[in-house]
Amino acid sequence: MISPDIMHILLENIMKELLLLWEGKYKAAMVTGAADGRLAEDYVISKGDWDTIDREVSQSNKTIPAKMSRRLGSISKRGYWTAESYSYFLVHLGPIVLQNRLNKRYYEHFIRLSALSSKLIDLEMDNETLGELRTGLVTWVEDFEK
């Protein structure tokens, strides 16, 4: 079971926002007045790559054991995704489908979040690990703000 704080803060907030950011559809697109509603930044994944990612995520349903996760809907229709969907994408699918599509700097940053989130859902955690996670998450946020 995922902690409610992890579920809301990490999965239903940060992951949703990251995907919007990488699509170039983050709230800032409205502010900048991008003609097509997409930002042209180096963290934005091309429309063609998003189409491929969408197909790969959909096709993964054929090989994901039902005990690991529910079927993931289309990444382009994430309104139907649950915290479990975002978690599975963050830990298992994202590292694969984003590789060589997301700018290397942002991909490595995402991988750090993926690794941290894997540890966050461990059933047992000692104080040392808790301190490492706290430091890791603070560093992750500080690096995001750069």
N, C-alpha and C. Protein backbone atom coordinates (compact mmCIF):
# COMPACT_ATOMS: atom_id res chain seq x y z
N MET A 1 0.84 -1.19 0.00
CA MET A 1 0.00 0.00 0.00
C MET A 1 0.88 1.25 0.00
N ILE A 2 0.50 2.23 -0.76
CA ILE A 2 1.25 3.47 -0.87
C ILE A 2 0.75 4.45 0.19
N SER A 3 1.68 5.10 0.87
CA SER A 3 1.32 6.10 1.87
C SER A 3 0.51 7.22 1.19
N PRO A 4 -0.53 7.73 1.89
CA PRO A 4 -1.33 8.82 1.29
C PRO A 4 -0.48 10.04 0.91
N ASP A 5 0.53 10.36 1.70
CA ASP A 5 1.36 11.52 1.37
C ASP A 5 2.14 11.28 0.09
N ILE A 6 2.72 10.10 -0.06
CA ILE A 6 3.45 9.77 -1.29
C ILE A 6 2.49 9.77 -2.47
N MET A 7 1.32 9.20 -2.25
CA MET A 7 0.34 9.12 -3.32
C MET A 7 -0.04 10.52 -3.82
N HIS A 8 -0.36 11.43 -2.91
CA HIS A 8 -0.82 12.74 -3.34
C HIS A 8 0.31 13.65 -3.80
N ILE A 9 1.37 13.72 -3.03
CA ILE A 9 2.43 14.66 -3.35
C ILE A 9 3.25 14.19 -4.55
N LEU A 10 3.72 12.97 -4.49
CA LEU A 10 4.63 12.48 -5.53
C LEU A 10 3.89 12.03 -6.78
N LEU A 11 2.93 11.17 -6.62
CA LEU A 11 2.31 10.54 -7.78
C LEU A 11 1.24 11.41 -8.44
N GLU A 12 0.31 11.91 -7.65
CA GLU A 12 -0.80 12.65 -8.24
C GLU A 12 -0.50 14.13 -8.41
N ASN A 13 0.66 14.56 -8.00
CA ASN A 13 1.03 15.96 -8.19
C ASN A 13 2.29 16.04 -9.04
N ILE A 14 3.42 15.64 -8.48
CA ILE A 14 4.70 15.81 -9.18
C ILE A 14 4.73 15.04 -10.50
N MET A 15 4.32 13.78 -10.51
CA MET A 15 4.38 13.01 -11.77
C MET A 15 3.44 13.59 -12.82
N LYS A 16 2.25 14.00 -12.43
CA LYS A 16 1.33 14.61 -13.39
C LYS A 16 1.96 15.86 -13.99
N GLU A 17 2.52 16.69 -13.13
CA GLU A 17 3.12 17.95 -13.59
C GLU A 17 4.34 17.71 -14.47
N LEU A 18 5.17 16.72 -14.13
CA LEU A 18 6.34 16.41 -14.96
C LEU A 18 5.91 15.98 -16.35
N LEU A 19 4.91 15.13 -16.44
CA LEU A 19 4.46 14.67 -17.75
C LEU A 19 3.91 15.84 -18.58
N LEU A 20 3.16 16.73 -17.94
CA LEU A 20 2.68 17.92 -18.65
C LEU A 20 3.85 18.79 -19.10
N LEU A 21 4.84 18.94 -18.24
CA LEU A 21 6.02 19.73 -18.57
C LEU A 21 6.74 19.14 -19.79
N TRP A 22 6.95 17.83 -19.77
CA TRP A 22 7.67 17.18 -20.86
C TRP A 22 6.87 17.18 -22.16
N GLU A 23 5.56 17.26 -22.04
CA GLU A 23 4.71 17.36 -23.23
C GLU A 23 4.70 18.79 -23.77
N GLY A 24 5.19 19.73 -22.97
CA GLY A 24 5.15 21.14 -23.37
C GLY A 24 3.79 21.75 -23.13
N LYS A 25 2.98 21.12 -22.30
CA LYS A 25 1.62 21.60 -22.03
C LYS A 25 1.46 22.09 -20.60
N TYR A 26 2.56 22.40 -19.96
CA TYR A 26 2.50 22.87 -18.58
C TYR A 26 1.84 24.24 -18.55
N LYS A 27 1.37 24.65 -17.41
CA LYS A 27 0.65 25.92 -17.25
C LYS A 27 1.39 27.10 -17.87
N ALA A 28 2.71 27.07 -17.89
CA ALA A 28 3.49 28.17 -18.44
C ALA A 28 3.21 28.38 -19.93
N ALA A 29 2.75 27.35 -20.63
CA ALA A 29 2.45 27.50 -22.05
C ALA A 29 1.37 28.55 -22.26
N MET A 30 0.44 28.62 -21.32
CA MET A 30 -0.62 29.62 -21.43
C MET A 30 -0.06 31.02 -21.21
N VAL A 31 0.89 31.11 -20.30
CA VAL A 31 1.48 32.41 -19.97
C VAL A 31 2.34 32.91 -21.12
N THR A 32 3.11 32.01 -21.74
CA THR A 32 4.01 32.43 -22.82
C THR A 32 3.26 32.64 -24.13
N GLY A 33 2.04 32.15 -24.20
CA GLY A 33 1.25 32.34 -25.41
C GLY A 33 1.74 31.51 -26.57
N ALA A 34 2.30 30.33 -26.31
CA ALA A 34 2.75 29.46 -27.39
C ALA A 34 1.57 29.19 -28.33
N ALA A 35 1.77 29.43 -29.61
CA ALA A 35 0.69 29.35 -30.60
C ALA A 35 -0.01 28.00 -30.59
N ASP A 36 0.75 26.91 -30.49
CA ASP A 36 0.13 25.59 -30.52
C ASP A 36 -0.10 25.03 -29.13
N GLY A 37 0.08 25.87 -28.09
CA GLY A 37 -0.13 25.41 -26.72
C GLY A 37 1.02 24.58 -26.18
N ARG A 38 2.11 24.47 -26.96
CA ARG A 38 3.27 23.69 -26.53
C ARG A 38 4.47 24.61 -26.39
N LEU A 39 5.25 24.38 -25.35
CA LEU A 39 6.49 25.13 -25.15
C LEU A 39 7.59 24.51 -26.02
N ALA A 40 8.55 25.32 -26.41
CA ALA A 40 9.68 24.82 -27.19
C ALA A 40 10.94 24.90 -26.33
N GLU A 41 10.99 24.08 -25.30
CA GLU A 41 12.13 24.05 -24.38
C GLU A 41 12.85 22.72 -24.56
N ASP A 42 14.08 22.65 -24.03
CA ASP A 42 14.86 21.43 -24.23
C ASP A 42 14.37 20.25 -23.39
N TYR A 43 13.43 20.46 -22.50
CA TYR A 43 12.85 19.36 -21.74
C TYR A 43 11.58 18.81 -22.38
N VAL A 44 11.14 19.42 -23.47
CA VAL A 44 9.92 18.99 -24.13
C VAL A 44 10.23 17.84 -25.10
N ILE A 45 9.44 16.78 -24.98
CA ILE A 45 9.57 15.62 -25.85
C ILE A 45 8.71 15.87 -27.10
N SER A 46 9.25 15.54 -28.26
CA SER A 46 8.53 15.80 -29.51
C SER A 46 7.21 15.04 -29.58
N LYS A 47 6.28 15.57 -30.36
CA LYS A 47 4.96 14.94 -30.53
C LYS A 47 5.12 13.52 -31.08
N GLY A 48 6.04 13.32 -32.02
CA GLY A 48 6.28 11.98 -32.58
C GLY A 48 6.75 11.00 -31.52
N ASP A 49 7.65 11.47 -30.65
CA ASP A 49 8.13 10.60 -29.57
C ASP A 49 7.01 10.29 -28.58
N TRP A 50 6.13 11.29 -28.30
CA TRP A 50 5.01 11.02 -27.40
C TRP A 50 4.06 9.98 -28.00
N ASP A 51 3.86 10.04 -29.29
CA ASP A 51 3.01 9.03 -29.94
C ASP A 51 3.61 7.64 -29.78
N THR A 52 4.94 7.55 -29.94
CA THR A 52 5.63 6.27 -29.78
C THR A 52 5.55 5.80 -28.33
N ILE A 53 5.78 6.72 -27.39
CA ILE A 53 5.69 6.38 -25.97
C ILE A 53 4.29 5.88 -25.64
N ASP A 54 3.27 6.54 -26.18
CA ASP A 54 1.89 6.13 -25.95
C ASP A 54 1.66 4.70 -26.43
N ARG A 55 2.15 4.39 -27.62
CA ARG A 55 2.01 3.02 -28.15
C ARG A 55 2.75 2.02 -27.27
N GLU A 56 3.97 2.37 -26.85
CA GLU A 56 4.76 1.45 -26.02
C GLU A 56 4.10 1.19 -24.67
N VAL A 57 3.55 2.25 -24.07
CA VAL A 57 2.86 2.08 -22.78
C VAL A 57 1.63 1.19 -22.98
N SER A 58 0.86 1.44 -24.03
CA SER A 58 -0.33 0.63 -24.30
C SER A 58 0.04 -0.83 -24.57
N GLN A 59 1.11 -1.05 -25.35
CA GLN A 59 1.52 -2.41 -25.68
C GLN A 59 2.08 -3.15 -24.46
N SER A 60 2.60 -2.39 -23.49
CA SER A 60 3.16 -3.03 -22.29
C SER A 60 2.09 -3.78 -21.51
N ASN A 61 0.83 -3.39 -21.69
CA ASN A 61 -0.26 -4.06 -20.98
C ASN A 61 -0.30 -5.55 -21.28
N LYS A 62 0.17 -5.93 -22.45
CA LYS A 62 0.15 -7.33 -22.85
C LYS A 62 1.13 -8.17 -22.04
N THR A 63 2.14 -7.53 -21.48
CA THR A 63 3.20 -8.28 -20.80
C THR A 63 3.31 -7.98 -19.30
N ILE A 64 2.48 -7.07 -18.78
CA ILE A 64 2.51 -6.75 -17.36
C ILE A 64 1.61 -7.74 -16.61
N PRO A 65 2.16 -8.51 -15.69
CA PRO A 65 1.31 -9.41 -14.90
C PRO A 65 0.27 -8.60 -14.12
N ALA A 66 -0.94 -9.09 -14.07
CA ALA A 66 -2.04 -8.38 -13.40
C ALA A 66 -1.74 -8.10 -11.93
N LYS A 67 -0.91 -8.93 -11.29
CA LYS A 67 -0.58 -8.71 -9.88
C LYS A 67 0.35 -7.52 -9.69
N MET A 68 1.03 -7.10 -10.74
CA MET A 68 1.96 -5.97 -10.61
C MET A 68 1.25 -4.63 -10.76
N SER A 69 0.29 -4.56 -11.65
CA SER A 69 -0.40 -3.29 -11.90
C SER A 69 -1.64 -3.54 -12.73
N ARG A 70 -2.59 -2.65 -12.58
CA ARG A 70 -3.74 -2.68 -13.48
C ARG A 70 -3.27 -2.28 -14.87
N ARG A 71 -4.09 -2.52 -15.84
CA ARG A 71 -3.76 -2.09 -17.20
C ARG A 71 -3.65 -0.57 -17.22
N LEU A 72 -2.58 -0.07 -17.84
CA LEU A 72 -2.41 1.37 -17.97
C LEU A 72 -3.17 1.84 -19.21
N GLY A 73 -3.96 2.86 -19.04
CA GLY A 73 -4.62 3.46 -20.18
C GLY A 73 -3.62 4.27 -20.98
N SER A 74 -4.07 4.85 -22.02
CA SER A 74 -3.23 5.67 -22.88
C SER A 74 -2.58 6.79 -22.08
N ILE A 75 -1.30 7.03 -22.33
CA ILE A 75 -0.60 8.11 -21.64
C ILE A 75 -1.15 9.47 -22.07
N SER A 76 -1.76 9.51 -23.24
CA SER A 76 -2.35 10.77 -23.71
C SER A 76 -3.72 11.02 -23.08
N LYS A 77 -4.25 10.01 -22.38
CA LYS A 77 -5.55 10.15 -21.69
C LYS A 77 -5.36 9.83 -20.21
N ARG A 78 -4.44 10.55 -19.61
CA ARG A 78 -4.09 10.27 -18.22
C ARG A 78 -5.17 10.66 -17.22
N GLY A 79 -6.22 11.28 -17.66
CA GLY A 79 -7.32 11.60 -16.76
C GLY A 79 -7.89 10.35 -16.09
N TYR A 80 -7.65 9.21 -16.71
CA TYR A 80 -8.13 7.94 -16.17
C TYR A 80 -7.07 7.22 -15.33
N TRP A 81 -5.87 7.78 -15.26
CA TRP A 81 -4.81 7.14 -14.49
C TRP A 81 -5.05 7.32 -13.00
N THR A 82 -4.65 6.33 -12.24
CA THR A 82 -4.71 6.38 -10.78
C THR A 82 -3.30 6.59 -10.24
N ALA A 83 -3.20 6.75 -8.93
CA ALA A 83 -1.87 6.86 -8.31
C ALA A 83 -1.05 5.61 -8.62
N GLU A 84 -1.71 4.47 -8.67
CA GLU A 84 -1.02 3.21 -9.01
C GLU A 84 -0.44 3.28 -10.42
N SER A 85 -1.18 3.86 -11.35
CA SER A 85 -0.70 4.00 -12.73
C SER A 85 0.55 4.87 -12.77
N TYR A 86 0.48 6.01 -12.10
CA TYR A 86 1.64 6.91 -12.07
C TYR A 86 2.83 6.24 -11.40
N SER A 87 2.57 5.48 -10.34
CA SER A 87 3.65 4.77 -9.65
C SER A 87 4.32 3.76 -10.57
N TYR A 88 3.51 2.99 -11.28
CA TYR A 88 4.07 1.98 -12.19
C TYR A 88 4.88 2.65 -13.30
N PHE A 89 4.37 3.76 -13.81
CA PHE A 89 5.11 4.48 -14.84
C PHE A 89 6.42 5.02 -14.28
N LEU A 90 6.37 5.63 -13.11
CA LEU A 90 7.55 6.23 -12.50
C LEU A 90 8.64 5.20 -12.23
N VAL A 91 8.28 4.07 -11.71
CA VAL A 91 9.28 3.08 -11.30
C VAL A 91 9.66 2.10 -12.41
N HIS A 92 8.69 1.69 -13.21
CA HIS A 92 8.95 0.60 -14.16
C HIS A 92 8.99 1.02 -15.63
N LEU A 93 7.99 1.73 -16.10
CA LEU A 93 7.92 2.02 -17.54
C LEU A 93 8.67 3.28 -17.94
N GLY A 94 8.55 4.34 -17.15
CA GLY A 94 9.18 5.61 -17.49
C GLY A 94 10.66 5.50 -17.79
N PRO A 95 11.43 4.80 -16.93
CA PRO A 95 12.86 4.70 -17.23
C PRO A 95 13.17 4.07 -18.59
N ILE A 96 12.27 3.25 -19.09
CA ILE A 96 12.47 2.60 -20.39
C ILE A 96 11.99 3.50 -21.53
N VAL A 97 10.75 3.97 -21.44
CA VAL A 97 10.17 4.69 -22.58
C VAL A 97 10.70 6.12 -22.72
N LEU A 98 11.25 6.68 -21.65
CA LEU A 98 11.78 8.05 -21.74
C LEU A 98 13.25 8.10 -22.15
N GLN A 99 13.93 6.96 -22.06
CA GLN A 99 15.35 6.92 -22.40
C GLN A 99 15.54 7.30 -23.87
N ASN A 100 16.50 8.18 -24.11
CA ASN A 100 16.83 8.69 -25.45
C ASN A 100 15.71 9.51 -26.08
N ARG A 101 14.69 9.83 -25.31
CA ARG A 101 13.63 10.71 -25.80
C ARG A 101 13.58 12.00 -24.98
N LEU A 102 13.84 11.87 -23.70
CA LEU A 102 13.91 13.02 -22.82
C LEU A 102 15.36 13.47 -22.77
N ASN A 103 15.60 14.76 -22.83
CA ASN A 103 16.96 15.32 -22.76
C ASN A 103 17.72 14.62 -21.64
N LYS A 104 18.99 14.28 -21.88
CA LYS A 104 19.79 13.50 -20.94
C LYS A 104 19.78 14.08 -19.53
N ARG A 105 19.93 15.40 -19.42
CA ARG A 105 19.94 16.04 -18.10
C ARG A 105 18.64 15.76 -17.34
N TYR A 106 17.51 15.89 -18.03
CA TYR A 106 16.21 15.71 -17.39
C TYR A 106 15.91 14.22 -17.18
N TYR A 107 16.39 13.40 -18.08
CA TYR A 107 16.21 11.95 -17.92
C TYR A 107 16.94 11.48 -16.66
N GLU A 108 18.18 11.91 -16.48
CA GLU A 108 18.94 11.51 -15.28
C GLU A 108 18.26 12.02 -14.01
N HIS A 109 17.69 13.21 -14.07
CA HIS A 109 16.96 13.77 -12.94
C HIS A 109 15.73 12.90 -12.65
N PHE A 110 15.02 12.48 -13.69
CA PHE A 110 13.86 11.61 -13.53
C PHE A 110 14.27 10.27 -12.93
N ILE A 111 15.38 9.71 -13.37
CA ILE A 111 15.84 8.42 -12.86
C ILE A 111 16.13 8.51 -11.36
N ARG A 112 16.67 9.64 -10.92
CA ARG A 112 16.90 9.84 -9.48
C ARG A 112 15.58 9.80 -8.72
N LEU A 113 14.55 10.45 -9.27
CA LEU A 113 13.23 10.43 -8.63
C LEU A 113 12.66 9.02 -8.63
N SER A 114 12.86 8.30 -9.71
CA SER A 114 12.39 6.92 -9.80
C SER A 114 13.04 6.06 -8.72
N ALA A 115 14.34 6.19 -8.56
CA ALA A 115 15.07 5.42 -7.54
C ALA A 115 14.62 5.80 -6.13
N LEU A 116 14.45 7.09 -5.90
CA LEU A 116 13.98 7.55 -4.58
C LEU A 116 12.58 7.01 -4.29
N SER A 117 11.71 7.04 -5.28
CA SER A 117 10.34 6.58 -5.06
C SER A 117 10.30 5.08 -4.80
N SER A 118 11.20 4.33 -5.41
CA SER A 118 11.27 2.89 -5.14
C SER A 118 11.57 2.64 -3.68
N LYS A 119 12.47 3.44 -3.13
CA LYS A 119 12.83 3.28 -1.71
C LYS A 119 11.71 3.78 -0.79
N LEU A 120 10.98 4.80 -1.24
CA LEU A 120 9.91 5.36 -0.41
C LEU A 120 8.80 4.36 -0.13
N ILE A 121 8.59 3.42 -1.01
CA ILE A 121 7.49 2.48 -0.82
C ILE A 121 7.94 1.17 -0.19
N ASP A 122 9.19 1.11 0.26
CA ASP A 122 9.65 -0.07 1.00
C ASP A 122 8.78 -0.27 2.23
N LEU A 123 8.55 -1.51 2.59
CA LEU A 123 7.73 -1.80 3.75
C LEU A 123 8.46 -1.54 5.06
N GLU A 124 9.77 -1.65 5.04
CA GLU A 124 10.57 -1.38 6.24
C GLU A 124 11.64 -0.37 5.90
N MET A 125 11.92 0.50 6.88
CA MET A 125 12.92 1.54 6.64
C MET A 125 13.56 1.90 7.98
N ASP A 126 14.89 1.92 8.00
CA ASP A 126 15.58 2.34 9.22
C ASP A 126 15.83 3.84 9.18
N ASN A 127 16.30 4.39 10.29
CA ASN A 127 16.51 5.84 10.39
C ASN A 127 17.56 6.34 9.40
N GLU A 128 18.57 5.53 9.14
CA GLU A 128 19.61 5.95 8.19
C GLU A 128 19.03 6.11 6.79
N THR A 129 18.23 5.13 6.37
CA THR A 129 17.59 5.20 5.06
C THR A 129 16.63 6.38 4.98
N LEU A 130 15.90 6.61 6.06
CA LEU A 130 14.98 7.74 6.09
C LEU A 130 15.74 9.06 5.90
N GLY A 131 16.89 9.20 6.56
CA GLY A 131 17.71 10.39 6.39
C GLY A 131 18.23 10.54 4.96
N GLU A 132 18.64 9.42 4.37
CA GLU A 132 19.13 9.45 2.98
C GLU A 132 18.01 9.86 2.02
N LEU A 133 16.81 9.36 2.27
CA LEU A 133 15.66 9.73 1.43
C LEU A 133 15.34 11.21 1.57
N ARG A 134 15.35 11.68 2.80
CA ARG A 134 15.06 13.11 3.04
C ARG A 134 16.07 13.97 2.28
N THR A 135 17.35 13.66 2.42
CA THR A 135 18.40 14.41 1.73
C THR A 135 18.25 14.28 0.22
N GLY A 136 17.98 13.07 -0.25
CA GLY A 136 17.83 12.84 -1.69
C GLY A 136 16.67 13.62 -2.29
N LEU A 137 15.55 13.67 -1.58
CA LEU A 137 14.39 14.40 -2.10
C LEU A 137 14.63 15.91 -2.08
N VAL A 138 15.27 16.40 -1.03
CA VAL A 138 15.58 17.84 -0.98
C VAL A 138 16.51 18.20 -2.13
N THR A 139 17.53 17.39 -2.36
CA THR A 139 18.47 17.64 -3.46
C THR A 139 17.75 17.56 -4.80
N TRP A 140 16.84 16.61 -4.95
CA TRP A 140 16.10 16.46 -6.20
C TRP A 140 15.30 17.73 -6.49
N VAL A 141 14.62 18.26 -5.47
CA VAL A 141 13.82 19.48 -5.66
C VAL A 141 14.73 20.67 -5.96
N GLU A 142 15.83 20.79 -5.24
CA GLU A 142 16.75 21.90 -5.48
C GLU A 142 17.31 21.84 -6.91
N ASP A 143 17.63 20.64 -7.38
CA ASP A 143 18.13 20.48 -8.76
C ASP A 143 17.04 20.81 -9.77
N PHE A 144 15.80 20.50 -9.44
CA PHE A 144 14.68 20.80 -10.34
C PHE A 144 14.53 22.31 -10.51
N GLU A 145 14.75 23.04 -9.43
CA GLU A 145 14.57 24.49 -9.46
C GLU A 145 15.69 25.23 -10.16
N LYS A 146 16.76 24.54 -10.48
CA LYS A 146 17.90 25.20 -11.17
C LYS A 146 17.58 25.46 -12.63
